[in-house]
Amino acid sequence: MDQLIKRKSKRGRSWLVGVWLMLLTSLSVMAADKKEEKEIPLDPVTGMKMTGDWELVRNNCIMCHSPQLFLRQKGTLVTWKEIVHWMQKEGGLWPLPPELEEKIVTYLAANYGPSDAYRRAPIPATYMPTNPYESKIKKDVQKKRAAGLIPVRKP
């Protein structure tokens, strides 16, 4: 019986040592990967990463709002394009030449894109509960606006 207990405890210890070795190896590999990544210098005035077309973004974006507005956000190329198009439609952003828009959203997606700490994807509308504050009157107004019977006010 004593031999059986000793054999099991040796197996348990060797398994534990193996797990620890794997953990230490993976941590050292991760640390080496972090060291290989270049530190991108930040602009002391705006806090933007000074790489690629950062000056184009600075010159076109901080004219209307603080760089903190986009430095705190994360988005894919598609997300940044949608934000730019929304600003053009709703926020008064002037039309950008396609090549300039492409450079701006590419910079934003590359430097302020989704990361491991990115929040979850939005829940599809089909999974959302009905809005308890939506009324019949509000629905009627929305239908009339969509039909062009009520003029849409610009902000």
C-alpha atoms as a PDB file:
ATOM      1  CA  MET A   1       0.000   0.000   0.000  1.00  0.00           C
ATOM      2  CA  ASP A   2       2.818   2.388   0.879  1.00  0.00           C
ATOM      3  CA  GLN A   3       4.483   1.716  -2.473  1.00  0.00           C
ATOM      4  CA  LEU A   4       1.247   2.541  -4.297  1.00  0.00           C
ATOM      5  CA  ILE A   5       0.955   5.888  -2.481  1.00  0.00           C
ATOM      6  CA  LYS A   6       4.612   6.719  -3.221  1.00  0.00           C
ATOM      7  CA  ARG A   7       4.159   5.860  -6.918  1.00  0.00           C
ATOM      8  CA  LYS A   8       1.035   8.071  -7.199  1.00  0.00           C
ATOM      9  CA  SER A   9       2.696  10.984  -5.436  1.00  0.00           C
ATOM     10  CA  LYS A  10       5.729  10.748  -7.771  1.00  0.00           C
ATOM     11  CA  ARG A  11       3.411  10.821 -10.805  1.00  0.00           C
ATOM     12  CA  GLY A  12       1.550  13.792  -9.362  1.00  0.00           C
ATOM     13  CA  ARG A  13       4.775  15.678  -8.735  1.00  0.00           C
ATOM     14  CA  SER A  14       6.193  14.947 -12.183  1.00  0.00           C
ATOM     15  CA  TRP A  15       2.936  16.069 -13.796  1.00  0.00           C
ATOM     16  CA  LEU A  16       3.020  19.283 -11.757  1.00  0.00           C
ATOM     17  CA  VAL A  17       6.666  19.911 -12.699  1.00  0.00           C
ATOM     18  CA  GLY A  18       5.755  19.414 -16.375  1.00  0.00           C
ATOM     19  CA  VAL A  19       2.924  21.945 -16.133  1.00  0.00           C
ATOM     20  CA  TRP A  20       5.223  24.459 -14.455  1.00  0.00           C
ATOM     21  CA  LEU A  21       7.868  24.012 -17.164  1.00  0.00           C
ATOM     22  CA  MET A  22       5.302  24.528 -19.914  1.00  0.00           C
ATOM     23  CA  LEU A  23       3.985  27.639 -18.167  1.00  0.00           C
ATOM     24  CA  LEU A  24       7.456  29.131 -17.733  1.00  0.00           C
ATOM     25  CA  THR A  25       8.344  28.384 -21.369  1.00  0.00           C
ATOM     26  CA  SER A  26       5.190  30.039 -22.682  1.00  0.00           C
ATOM     27  CA  LEU A  27       5.731  33.094 -20.467  1.00  0.00           C
ATOM     28  CA  SER A  28       9.309  33.506 -21.680  1.00  0.00           C
ATOM     29  CA  VAL A  29       8.168  33.234 -25.320  1.00  0.00           C
ATOM     30  CA  MET A  30       5.473  35.859 -24.718  1.00  0.00           C
ATOM     31  CA  ALA A  31       7.997  38.173 -23.072  1.00  0.00           C
ATOM     32  CA  ALA A  32      10.358  37.771 -26.031  1.00  0.00           C
ATOM     33  CA  ASP A  33       7.531  38.610 -28.454  1.00  0.00           C
ATOM     34  CA  LYS A  34       6.751  41.779 -26.493  1.00  0.00           C
ATOM     35  CA  LYS A  35      10.404  42.858 -26.647  1.00  0.00           C
ATOM     36  CA  GLU A  36      10.497  42.355 -30.425  1.00  0.00           C
ATOM     37  CA  GLU A  37       7.568  44.739 -30.942  1.00  0.00           C
ATOM     38  CA  LYS A  38       8.873  48.219 -31.652  1.00  0.00           C
ATOM     39  CA  GLU A  39       7.740  51.001 -29.419  1.00  0.00           C
ATOM     40  CA  ILE A  40       6.020  53.557 -31.632  1.00  0.00           C
ATOM     41  CA  PRO A  41       6.741  57.108 -30.455  1.00  0.00           C
ATOM     42  CA  LEU A  42       3.761  59.224 -29.432  1.00  0.00           C
ATOM     43  CA  ASP A  43       3.192  62.812 -30.492  1.00  0.00           C
ATOM     44  CA  PRO A  44       3.648  64.863 -27.302  1.00  0.00           C
ATOM     45  CA  VAL A  45       0.815  67.250 -28.225  1.00  0.00           C
ATOM     46  CA  THR A  46      -1.924  64.877 -29.432  1.00  0.00           C
ATOM     47  CA  GLY A  47      -0.853  61.511 -28.002  1.00  0.00           C
ATOM     48  CA  MET A  48      -1.185  59.934 -31.465  1.00  0.00           C
ATOM     49  CA  LYS A  49       1.147  57.170 -32.610  1.00  0.00           C
ATOM     50  CA  MET A  50       3.666  58.789 -34.960  1.00  0.00           C
ATOM     51  CA  THR A  51       3.675  56.209 -37.722  1.00  0.00           C
ATOM     52  CA  GLY A  52       2.391  55.970 -41.270  1.00  0.00           C
ATOM     53  CA  ASP A  53      -0.026  58.748 -42.230  1.00  0.00           C
ATOM     54  CA  TRP A  54      -0.489  60.086 -38.715  1.00  0.00           C
ATOM     55  CA  GLU A  55      -0.040  63.695 -39.839  1.00  0.00           C
ATOM     56  CA  LEU A  56      -2.913  63.366 -42.327  1.00  0.00           C
ATOM     57  CA  VAL A  57      -5.142  62.107 -39.538  1.00  0.00           C
ATOM     58  CA  ARG A  58      -3.996  64.853 -37.195  1.00  0.00           C
ATOM     59  CA  ASN A  59      -4.545  67.595 -39.784  1.00  0.00           C
ATOM     60  CA  ASN A  60      -8.001  66.365 -40.802  1.00  0.00           C
ATOM     61  CA  CYS A  61      -9.456  65.043 -37.548  1.00  0.00           C
ATOM     62  CA  ILE A  62      -8.388  67.273 -34.686  1.00  0.00           C
ATOM     63  CA  MET A  63      -9.639  70.312 -36.546  1.00  0.00           C
ATOM     64  CA  CYS A  64     -13.155  69.415 -35.325  1.00  0.00           C
ATOM     65  CA  HIS A  65     -12.629  67.310 -32.201  1.00  0.00           C
ATOM     66  CA  SER A  66     -10.064  66.223 -29.656  1.00  0.00           C
ATOM     67  CA  PRO A  67      -7.792  63.325 -30.642  1.00  0.00           C
ATOM     68  CA  GLN A  68      -8.968  61.620 -27.442  1.00  0.00           C
ATOM     69  CA  LEU A  69     -12.227  60.928 -29.260  1.00  0.00           C
ATOM     70  CA  PHE A  70     -10.513  58.401 -31.546  1.00  0.00           C
ATOM     71  CA  LEU A  71      -7.546  57.462 -29.332  1.00  0.00           C
ATOM     72  CA  ARG A  72      -9.945  55.819 -26.872  1.00  0.00           C
ATOM     73  CA  GLN A  73     -11.902  53.916 -29.509  1.00  0.00           C
ATOM     74  CA  LYS A  74     -11.091  50.662 -31.245  1.00  0.00           C
ATOM     75  CA  GLY A  75     -12.366  49.696 -34.653  1.00  0.00           C
ATOM     76  CA  THR A  76     -11.749  47.665 -37.754  1.00  0.00           C
ATOM     77  CA  LEU A  77     -11.276  49.229 -41.180  1.00  0.00           C
ATOM     78  CA  VAL A  78     -15.010  48.869 -41.814  1.00  0.00           C
ATOM     79  CA  THR A  79     -15.888  50.437 -38.459  1.00  0.00           C
ATOM     80  CA  TRP A  80     -13.659  53.471 -39.073  1.00  0.00           C
ATOM     81  CA  LYS A  81     -15.116  53.918 -42.581  1.00  0.00           C
ATOM     82  CA  GLU A  82     -18.641  53.848 -41.146  1.00  0.00           C
ATOM     83  CA  ILE A  83     -17.653  56.450 -38.538  1.00  0.00           C
ATOM     84  CA  VAL A  84     -16.181  58.735 -41.224  1.00  0.00           C
ATOM     85  CA  HIS A  85     -19.300  58.367 -43.386  1.00  0.00           C
ATOM     86  CA  TRP A  86     -21.531  59.083 -40.387  1.00  0.00           C
ATOM     87  CA  MET A  87     -19.523  62.240 -39.617  1.00  0.00           C
ATOM     88  CA  GLN A  88     -19.917  63.335 -43.236  1.00  0.00           C
ATOM     89  CA  LYS A  89     -23.661  62.731 -43.144  1.00  0.00           C
ATOM     90  CA  GLU A  90     -24.510  63.934 -39.629  1.00  0.00           C
ATOM     91  CA  GLY A  91     -21.542  65.861 -38.262  1.00  0.00           C
ATOM     92  CA  GLY A  92     -20.630  68.302 -41.012  1.00  0.00           C
ATOM     93  CA  LEU A  93     -17.414  66.606 -42.156  1.00  0.00           C
ATOM     94  CA  TRP A  94     -16.494  67.765 -45.649  1.00  0.00           C
ATOM     95  CA  PRO A  95     -16.227  65.213 -48.484  1.00  0.00           C
ATOM     96  CA  LEU A  96     -12.791  63.599 -48.466  1.00  0.00           C
ATOM     97  CA  PRO A  97     -11.063  62.408 -51.630  1.00  0.00           C
ATOM     98  CA  PRO A  98     -11.232  58.574 -51.673  1.00  0.00           C
ATOM     99  CA  GLU A  99      -7.443  58.137 -51.439  1.00  0.00           C
ATOM    100  CA  LEU A 100      -7.256  60.472 -48.413  1.00  0.00           C
ATOM    101  CA  GLU A 101     -10.163  58.708 -46.701  1.00  0.00           C
ATOM    102  CA  GLU A 102      -8.471  55.348 -47.329  1.00  0.00           C
ATOM    103  CA  LYS A 103      -5.202  56.556 -45.768  1.00  0.00           C
ATOM    104  CA  ILE A 104      -7.006  57.947 -42.716  1.00  0.00           C
ATOM    105  CA  VAL A 105      -9.073  54.836 -41.988  1.00  0.00           C
ATOM    106  CA  THR A 106      -6.090  52.560 -42.681  1.00  0.00           C
ATOM    107  CA  TYR A 107      -4.010  54.470 -40.116  1.00  0.00           C
ATOM    108  CA  LEU A 108      -6.835  54.343 -37.570  1.00  0.00           C
ATOM    109  CA  ALA A 109      -7.502  50.626 -38.091  1.00  0.00           C
ATOM    110  CA  ALA A 110      -3.795  49.744 -37.911  1.00  0.00           C
ATOM    111  CA  ASN A 111      -3.070  51.793 -34.791  1.00  0.00           C
ATOM    112  CA  TYR A 112      -6.423  51.880 -33.014  1.00  0.00           C
ATOM    113  CA  GLY A 113      -7.899  48.585 -34.137  1.00  0.00           C
ATOM    114  CA  PRO A 114      -9.389  45.787 -32.070  1.00  0.00           C
ATOM    115  CA  SER A 115      -7.076  44.251 -29.494  1.00  0.00           C
ATOM    116  CA  ASP A 116      -7.279  41.439 -26.972  1.00  0.00           C
ATOM    117  CA  ALA A 117      -8.970  43.874 -24.602  1.00  0.00           C
ATOM    118  CA  TYR A 118     -11.609  44.748 -27.208  1.00  0.00           C
ATOM    119  CA  ARG A 119     -15.183  44.580 -26.007  1.00  0.00           C
ATOM    120  CA  ARG A 120     -17.610  42.047 -27.378  1.00  0.00           C
ATOM    121  CA  ALA A 121     -19.430  42.481 -30.683  1.00  0.00           C
ATOM    122  CA  PRO A 122     -22.814  44.214 -30.546  1.00  0.00           C
ATOM    123  CA  ILE A 123     -25.810  42.000 -29.910  1.00  0.00           C
ATOM    124  CA  PRO A 124     -27.896  41.553 -33.083  1.00  0.00           C
ATOM    125  CA  ALA A 125     -31.227  43.381 -33.012  1.00  0.00           C
ATOM    126  CA  THR A 126     -33.096  40.098 -33.429  1.00  0.00           C
ATOM    127  CA  TYR A 127     -31.836  39.000 -29.994  1.00  0.00           C
ATOM    128  CA  MET A 128     -32.740  42.260 -28.269  1.00  0.00           C
ATOM    129  CA  PRO A 129     -35.955  42.631 -26.257  1.00  0.00           C
ATOM    130  CA  THR A 130     -38.619  45.052 -27.426  1.00  0.00           C
ATOM    131  CA  ASN A 131     -38.158  48.640 -26.350  1.00  0.00           C
ATOM    132  CA  PRO A 132     -40.578  49.356 -23.471  1.00  0.00           C
ATOM    133  CA  TYR A 133     -40.379  53.102 -24.179  1.00  0.00           C
ATOM    134  CA  GLU A 134     -41.382  52.867 -27.819  1.00  0.00           C
ATOM    135  CA  SER A 135     -44.880  54.169 -28.376  1.00  0.00           C
ATOM    136  CA  LYS A 136     -47.369  54.017 -31.231  1.00  0.00           C
ATOM    137  CA  ILE A 137     -46.968  57.764 -31.782  1.00  0.00           C
ATOM    138  CA  LYS A 138     -43.175  57.438 -32.112  1.00  0.00           C
ATOM    139  CA  LYS A 139     -43.594  54.604 -34.631  1.00  0.00           C
ATOM    140  CA  ASP A 140     -46.074  56.693 -36.642  1.00  0.00           C
ATOM    141  CA  VAL A 141     -43.685  59.667 -36.722  1.00  0.00           C
ATOM    142  CA  GLN A 142     -40.813  57.434 -37.865  1.00  0.00           C
ATOM    143  CA  LYS A 143     -42.961  55.979 -40.664  1.00  0.00           C
ATOM    144  CA  LYS A 144     -44.026  59.482 -41.785  1.00  0.00           C
ATOM    145  CA  ARG A 145     -40.381  60.670 -41.773  1.00  0.00           C
ATOM    146  CA  ALA A 146     -39.359  57.639 -43.838  1.00  0.00           C
ATOM    147  CA  ALA A 147     -42.171  58.380 -46.303  1.00  0.00           C
ATOM    148  CA  GLY A 148     -41.047  62.027 -46.552  1.00  0.00           C
ATOM    149  CA  LEU A 149     -44.202  63.451 -44.947  1.00  0.00           C
ATOM    150  CA  ILE A 150     -42.239  65.032 -42.073  1.00  0.00           C
ATOM    151  CA  PRO A 151     -39.040  66.934 -42.904  1.00  0.00           C
ATOM    152  CA  VAL A 152     -35.860  65.631 -41.269  1.00  0.00           C
ATOM    153  CA  ARG A 153     -34.086  68.275 -39.198  1.00  0.00           C
ATOM    154  CA  LYS A 154     -30.309  68.432 -39.332  1.00  0.00           C
ATOM    155  CA  PRO A 155     -28.567  68.878 -35.960  1.00  0.00           C
END
